[in-house]
C-alpha cells in the first residue's frame, strides 16, 4: 500500500516532493551513465546563464523566482566546478556579470542532447487524459514503476543517435509549425516584433508567393525545424526565420538547414545570401562564419529592431 496515494489531495505536496526527488535521482543516473559530472539541482541557473550569454545574480533570481540565498549557493557551486565566470561590469564595477566559462561551454554541448531527450521522454509520459492532478501523478508514478525514467531516457538517447533528419520543401499543411517554431524561438531569445507576427502568420503570401522558399527539418512524421529564403531581388535572398524545436536543439539541425539553403541557392544560380543577427548569439555567428558568411555594414533602416549585425555569403565565386 502507498499511504500517500491513500491520502489523496491532502498529500499532494508530499507526493510532488517525492516525484521531484525521484526525477532528480534518475537524471543524475543519466548524467553518470554518460560520464557527466553535474548536479541536476544546478540545472535551472546553468540553463538561464547559457541562454542569456551574460546575466546577473538579480536577473537569474527574478527569472527563476527563488530566494537570493538559494541563487548565491547555486552560483557558488557552479563557480567551484569552474563552469561559470563572474566578472565586474565594465561600467558599474559593483555589478557582477555572470557567463559560462570555457569548461561550461564544452559541458553545455554535451548536455543539450541529453536535455532534449529528457524533455521528449517526460513530455510523452505526461501527455495523457486524467480527471485531476492526483490521477495524473498516479499515472506518471505507474509509468516510472514499469520502467524507470533513467532507463527510458538512455534508451531514447540511443534511438535518437540513429534517427535521420530529412529536409523538405514548403507545404501549406506545415504553416502552423512554421509559425510556432519561430514564435517560440523569438520569445526565448528576444521578443516578438509586430512585423514578425504579420510575416509568420502569412508565410505563403509574404515569402512563397514573392519568390521565396521555406524548408522544414523532419524527424519521422514530426516537423522539428524550419528556415526561409526571402527574396530581396533577383539572385539575392535573405536567410531568415530559422528555428529548431527545443527538444531537438544540439543535433546540428540548424546547420543542416543552412547547408541545404546554401546548396539549393547555388543550384538555382543565386548570387548572394544575406542574414541579420544579434551579436549576443555568439554560437550562431560562429557557425555563420564557419560557412563563409562575412560581416558587412548594416543599413540604418534595418528591418529588425533586434539585429545589430548583417552578414553576407557570395555564391558566384
Protein backbone atom coordinates (compact mmCIF):
# COMPACT_ATOMS: atom_id res chain seq x y z
CA UNK A 1 0.00 0.00 0.00
CA UNK A 2 1.15 3.52 -0.81
CA UNK A 3 -0.04 5.69 2.07
CA UNK A 4 0.46 8.95 0.19
CA UNK A 5 -1.86 7.72 -2.56
CA UNK A 6 -4.46 6.79 0.01
CA UNK A 7 -4.35 10.31 1.45
CA UNK A 8 -5.38 11.73 -1.97
CA UNK A 9 -5.29 15.53 -2.43
CA UNK A 10 -4.20 16.28 1.11
CA UNK A 11 -0.83 14.64 0.38
CA UNK A 12 -0.29 16.35 -2.97
CA UNK A 13 2.64 18.44 -1.74
CA UNK A 14 4.40 15.39 -0.32
CA UNK A 15 3.81 13.38 -3.49
CA UNK A 16 5.13 16.16 -5.72
CA UNK A 17 8.20 16.41 -3.49
CA UNK A 18 8.69 12.64 -3.74
CA UNK A 19 8.35 12.74 -7.50
CA UNK A 20 10.84 15.62 -7.64
CA UNK A 21 13.36 13.56 -5.68
CA UNK A 22 12.83 10.58 -8.00
CA UNK A 23 13.33 12.67 -11.14
CA UNK A 24 16.45 14.33 -9.78
CA UNK A 25 17.98 10.96 -8.84
CA UNK A 26 17.05 9.45 -12.21
CA UNK A 27 18.51 12.45 -14.06
CA UNK A 28 21.71 12.03 -12.06
CA UNK A 29 21.87 8.40 -13.20
CA UNK A 30 21.65 9.55 -16.81
CA UNK A 31 24.46 12.07 -16.31
CA UNK A 32 26.59 9.39 -14.62
CA UNK A 33 25.91 6.92 -17.44
CA UNK A 34 27.29 9.44 -19.95
CA UNK A 35 30.24 10.40 -17.73
CA UNK A 36 28.96 13.90 -16.98
CA UNK A 37 29.81 15.45 -13.62
CA UNK A 38 26.81 17.70 -13.00
CA UNK A 39 24.26 18.20 -10.23
CA UNK A 40 20.66 18.25 -11.58
CA UNK A 41 19.74 20.81 -8.95
CA UNK A 42 22.06 23.30 -10.66
CA UNK A 43 20.24 22.96 -13.99
CA UNK A 44 17.84 25.98 -13.78
CA UNK A 45 20.54 28.57 -13.13
CA UNK A 46 23.01 26.94 -15.54
CA UNK A 47 20.35 26.90 -18.27
CA UNK A 48 19.50 30.59 -17.73
CA UNK A 49 23.17 31.57 -17.93
CA UNK A 50 23.61 29.57 -21.16
CA UNK A 51 20.59 31.25 -22.77
CA UNK A 52 21.46 34.79 -21.69
CA UNK A 53 25.19 34.57 -22.51
CA UNK A 54 25.76 37.33 -19.94
CA UNK A 55 23.46 37.86 -16.97
CA UNK A 56 23.35 38.96 -13.34
CA UNK A 57 22.52 37.44 -9.99
CA UNK A 58 19.37 39.55 -9.80
CA UNK A 59 18.16 38.57 -13.29
CA UNK A 60 18.59 34.86 -12.54
CA UNK A 61 16.70 35.22 -9.25
CA UNK A 62 13.83 37.07 -10.91
CA UNK A 63 13.55 34.63 -13.80
CA UNK A 64 13.54 31.59 -11.52
CA UNK A 65 11.50 33.25 -8.76
CA UNK A 66 13.63 31.81 -5.95
CA UNK A 67 15.34 33.31 -2.92
CA UNK A 68 18.59 35.24 -3.06
CA UNK A 69 20.41 32.80 -0.72
CA UNK A 70 19.41 29.89 -2.99
CA UNK A 71 20.84 31.63 -6.07
CA UNK A 72 24.01 32.61 -4.22
CA UNK A 73 24.53 29.00 -3.14
CA UNK A 74 23.92 27.68 -6.66
CA UNK A 75 26.33 30.18 -8.23
CA UNK A 76 28.95 29.27 -5.63
CA UNK A 77 28.66 25.59 -6.64
CA UNK A 78 28.85 26.40 -10.35
CA UNK A 79 31.89 28.60 -9.73
CA UNK A 80 33.55 25.88 -7.66
CA UNK A 81 33.06 23.47 -10.57
CA UNK A 82 34.62 26.13 -12.85
CA UNK A 83 31.50 26.16 -15.06
CA UNK A 84 30.92 29.93 -14.88
CA UNK A 85 32.84 33.18 -14.79
CA UNK A 86 31.86 36.09 -12.57
CA UNK A 87 33.39 39.44 -13.56
CA UNK A 88 32.77 43.08 -12.74
CA UNK A 89 30.77 45.11 -15.23
CA UNK A 90 32.98 47.42 -17.32
CA UNK A 91 30.88 50.49 -16.46
CA UNK A 92 29.49 49.72 -13.00
CA UNK A 93 32.20 47.83 -11.09
CA UNK A 94 29.70 46.95 -8.33
CA UNK A 95 27.65 44.96 -10.82
CA UNK A 96 28.72 41.35 -11.36
CA UNK A 97 28.33 39.78 -14.80
CA UNK A 98 27.88 36.02 -14.96
CA UNK A 99 28.67 33.91 -18.03
CA UNK A 100 29.64 30.36 -18.87
CA UNK A 101 33.34 29.53 -18.70
CA UNK A 102 35.10 27.60 -21.47
CA UNK A 103 34.58 24.47 -19.39
CA UNK A 104 30.90 25.35 -19.02
CA UNK A 105 30.50 25.88 -22.77
CA UNK A 106 32.05 22.47 -23.50
CA UNK A 107 29.81 20.81 -20.91
CA UNK A 108 26.77 22.55 -22.40
CA UNK A 109 27.43 20.98 -25.80
CA UNK A 110 27.44 17.51 -24.20
CA UNK A 111 24.32 18.15 -22.14
CA UNK A 112 21.98 19.71 -24.71
CA UNK A 113 21.24 16.39 -26.48
CA UNK A 114 20.52 14.78 -23.11
CA UNK A 115 18.20 17.62 -22.08
CA UNK A 116 16.39 17.29 -25.39
CA UNK A 117 15.72 13.60 -24.83
CA UNK A 118 14.70 14.13 -21.20
CA UNK A 119 12.23 16.76 -22.45
CA UNK A 120 10.82 14.36 -25.06
CA UNK A 121 10.64 11.44 -22.63
CA UNK A 122 8.86 13.30 -19.85
CA UNK A 123 6.55 15.08 -22.31
CA UNK A 124 5.35 11.75 -23.69
CA UNK A 125 4.79 10.36 -20.20
CA UNK A 126 2.77 13.39 -19.11
CA UNK A 127 0.58 13.76 -22.19
CA UNK A 128 -2.49 11.71 -21.34
CA UNK A 129 -6.04 12.39 -20.10
CA UNK A 130 -6.79 12.43 -16.38
CA UNK A 131 -9.62 13.69 -14.19
CA UNK A 132 -7.34 15.65 -11.83
CA UNK A 133 -3.73 16.30 -10.91
CA UNK A 134 -3.62 13.46 -8.38
CA UNK A 135 -4.77 11.00 -11.01
CA UNK A 136 -2.24 12.38 -13.47
CA UNK A 137 0.53 11.98 -10.90
CA UNK A 138 -0.54 8.39 -10.20
CA UNK A 139 -0.25 7.50 -13.89
CA UNK A 140 3.22 9.02 -14.05
CA UNK A 141 4.30 7.08 -10.94
CA UNK A 142 2.94 3.88 -12.50
CA UNK A 143 4.88 4.55 -15.69
CA UNK A 144 8.13 5.00 -13.74
CA UNK A 145 7.39 1.83 -11.78
CA UNK A 146 7.16 -0.15 -15.01
CA UNK A 147 10.36 1.35 -16.37
CA UNK A 148 12.49 3.95 -14.64
CA UNK A 149 12.96 7.43 -16.06
CA UNK A 150 16.71 6.90 -16.48
CA UNK A 151 16.20 3.65 -18.42
CA UNK A 152 13.68 5.38 -20.69
CA UNK A 153 15.96 8.37 -21.32
CA UNK A 154 19.05 6.25 -22.04
CA UNK A 155 17.03 4.03 -24.37
CA UNK A 156 15.62 7.06 -26.19
CA UNK A 157 19.10 8.60 -26.38
CA UNK A 158 20.39 5.53 -28.18
CA UNK A 159 17.44 5.62 -30.57
CA UNK A 160 17.86 9.33 -31.28
CA UNK A 161 21.53 8.82 -32.15
CA UNK A 162 20.39 6.74 -35.12
CA UNK A 163 17.43 8.90 -36.23
CA UNK A 164 17.66 10.66 -39.59
CA UNK A 165 16.61 14.23 -40.25
CA UNK A 166 15.23 14.96 -43.71
CA UNK A 167 14.84 18.42 -45.26
CA UNK A 168 11.61 19.02 -47.19
CA UNK A 169 10.21 21.99 -49.12
CA UNK A 170 7.22 24.13 -48.17
CA UNK A 171 3.80 22.57 -47.77
CA UNK A 172 0.84 24.61 -46.54
CA UNK A 173 -0.07 21.91 -44.02
CA UNK A 174 3.08 22.88 -42.09
CA UNK A 175 2.20 26.58 -41.89
CA UNK A 176 1.34 26.32 -38.21
CA UNK A 177 4.64 24.58 -37.48
CA UNK A 178 6.49 27.43 -39.20
CA UNK A 179 4.67 29.98 -37.04
CA UNK A 180 5.01 28.10 -33.74
CA UNK A 181 8.69 27.25 -34.14
CA UNK A 182 9.62 30.85 -34.89
CA UNK A 183 7.46 32.40 -32.18
CA UNK A 184 8.94 30.02 -29.60
CA UNK A 185 12.48 30.92 -30.69
CA UNK A 186 11.78 34.66 -30.59
CA UNK A 187 10.17 34.50 -27.16
CA UNK A 188 13.13 32.50 -25.83
CA UNK A 189 15.93 34.71 -27.11
CA UNK A 190 14.35 38.10 -27.88
CA UNK A 191 10.78 39.32 -28.27
CA UNK A 192 8.17 39.16 -31.00
CA UNK A 193 8.01 42.29 -33.16
CA UNK A 194 4.78 43.26 -34.92
CA UNK A 195 6.46 42.64 -38.28
CA UNK A 196 7.24 39.06 -37.17
CA UNK A 197 3.63 38.12 -36.48
CA UNK A 198 2.44 39.51 -39.79
CA UNK A 199 5.02 37.57 -41.83
CA UNK A 200 4.84 34.36 -39.79
CA UNK A 201 1.04 34.31 -39.93
CA UNK A 202 1.06 34.73 -43.71
CA UNK A 203 4.13 32.78 -44.74
CA UNK A 204 2.84 31.77 -48.15
CA UNK A 205 1.82 35.25 -49.27
CA UNK A 206 4.83 37.07 -47.74
CA UNK A 207 7.54 34.54 -48.66
CA UNK A 208 6.49 31.83 -51.12
CA UNK A 209 4.31 33.95 -53.42
CA UNK A 210 7.03 36.59 -53.64
CA UNK A 211 9.58 34.14 -54.99
CA UNK A 212 11.00 32.91 -51.71
CA UNK A 213 11.31 29.44 -50.22
CA UNK A 214 10.62 27.74 -46.90
CA UNK A 215 12.22 24.47 -45.85
CA UNK A 216 11.43 22.15 -42.95
CA UNK A 217 13.53 19.65 -41.00
CA UNK A 218 11.53 16.50 -40.43
CA UNK A 219 12.18 13.71 -37.92
CA UNK A 220 9.86 10.85 -38.80
CA UNK A 221 6.45 12.49 -39.00
CA UNK A 222 7.40 15.47 -36.84
CA UNK A 223 8.50 18.92 -38.05
CA UNK A 224 11.41 19.87 -35.80
CA UNK A 225 12.96 22.86 -37.57
CA UNK A 226 12.47 25.41 -40.32
CA UNK A 227 14.21 28.14 -42.31
CA UNK A 228 13.27 30.57 -45.07
CA UNK A 229 14.94 32.17 -48.05
CA UNK A 230 13.25 35.54 -48.54
CA UNK A 231 13.72 37.13 -51.97
CA UNK A 232 15.31 40.58 -51.84
CA UNK A 233 15.88 40.95 -55.57
CA UNK A 234 16.86 38.69 -58.44
CA UNK A 235 19.67 36.42 -57.26
CA UNK A 236 19.81 37.86 -53.72
CA UNK A 237 17.97 36.17 -50.84
CA UNK A 238 17.82 36.65 -47.09
CA UNK A 239 18.47 33.56 -44.96
CA UNK A 240 15.86 34.05 -42.26
CA UNK A 241 13.22 32.55 -39.93
CA UNK A 242 15.47 29.71 -38.82
CA UNK A 243 14.17 27.93 -35.73
CA UNK A 244 14.57 24.48 -34.21
CA UNK A 245 12.31 22.77 -31.69
CA UNK A 246 13.76 22.97 -28.13
CA UNK A 247 13.59 19.18 -27.89
CA UNK A 248 15.88 18.83 -30.92
CA UNK A 249 18.47 21.54 -30.32
CA UNK A 250 22.02 20.30 -30.11
CA UNK A 251 21.63 17.89 -33.04
CA UNK A 252 23.05 20.32 -35.63
CA UNK A 253 19.66 20.63 -37.31
CA UNK A 254 20.20 24.36 -37.79
CA UNK A 255 23.44 23.63 -39.63
CA UNK A 256 21.69 21.05 -41.83
CA UNK A 257 19.01 23.61 -42.72
CA UNK A 258 21.63 26.24 -43.50
CA UNK A 259 23.72 23.86 -45.60
CA UNK A 260 20.58 22.92 -47.52
CA UNK A 261 19.83 26.59 -48.19
CA UNK A 262 23.36 27.22 -49.43
CA UNK A 263 23.36 24.15 -51.70
CA UNK A 264 19.88 24.96 -53.01
CA UNK A 265 20.87 28.57 -53.72
CA UNK A 266 23.95 27.50 -55.66
CA UNK A 267 21.84 25.07 -57.72
CA UNK A 268 19.49 27.95 -58.54
CA UNK A 269 22.46 30.13 -59.52
CA UNK A 270 21.66 32.75 -56.89
CA UNK A 271 24.48 35.26 -56.41
CA UNK A 272 24.31 36.11 -52.73
CA UNK A 273 22.74 35.25 -49.38
CA UNK A 274 22.43 37.81 -46.58
CA UNK A 275 21.28 37.47 -42.98
CA UNK A 276 20.60 39.63 -39.94
CA UNK A 277 21.52 38.52 -36.44
CA UNK A 278 22.48 39.75 -32.99
CA UNK A 279 25.99 39.66 -31.55
CA UNK A 280 24.78 38.05 -28.35
CA UNK A 281 24.11 34.86 -30.37
CA UNK A 282 27.81 34.08 -30.38
CA UNK A 283 27.42 30.40 -31.25
CA UNK A 284 25.18 31.20 -34.22
CA UNK A 285 27.55 33.83 -35.57
CA UNK A 286 30.44 31.39 -35.19
CA UNK A 287 28.53 28.87 -37.35
CA UNK A 288 27.68 31.54 -39.95
CA UNK A 289 31.36 32.39 -40.22
CA UNK A 290 32.19 28.69 -40.45
CA UNK A 291 30.03 28.50 -43.59
CA UNK A 292 31.67 31.54 -45.12
CA UNK A 293 29.42 34.45 -44.13
CA UNK A 294 31.26 37.74 -43.62
CA UNK A 295 30.09 40.81 -41.70
CA UNK A 296 29.10 43.81 -43.82
CA UNK A 297 27.81 47.30 -42.85
CA UNK A 298 24.19 47.29 -41.79
CA UNK A 299 21.78 49.85 -43.18
CA UNK A 300 20.29 52.39 -40.77
CA UNK A 301 16.73 51.26 -41.52
CA UNK A 302 17.27 47.59 -40.66
CA UNK A 303 14.08 45.51 -40.98
CA UNK A 304 14.63 44.04 -37.50
CA UNK A 305 14.93 46.07 -34.29
CA UNK A 306 16.77 43.21 -32.56
CA UNK A 307 19.51 42.96 -35.21
CA UNK A 308 22.91 44.57 -34.73
CA UNK A 309 24.94 42.62 -37.30
CA UNK A 310 24.48 41.92 -41.00
CA UNK A 311 26.38 39.23 -42.91
CA UNK A 312 26.60 38.05 -46.49
CA UNK A 313 27.75 34.99 -48.42
CA UNK A 314 28.68 35.46 -52.10
CA UNK A 315 27.66 32.42 -54.14
CA UNK A 316 29.04 33.24 -57.58
CA UNK A 317 32.68 32.67 -56.77
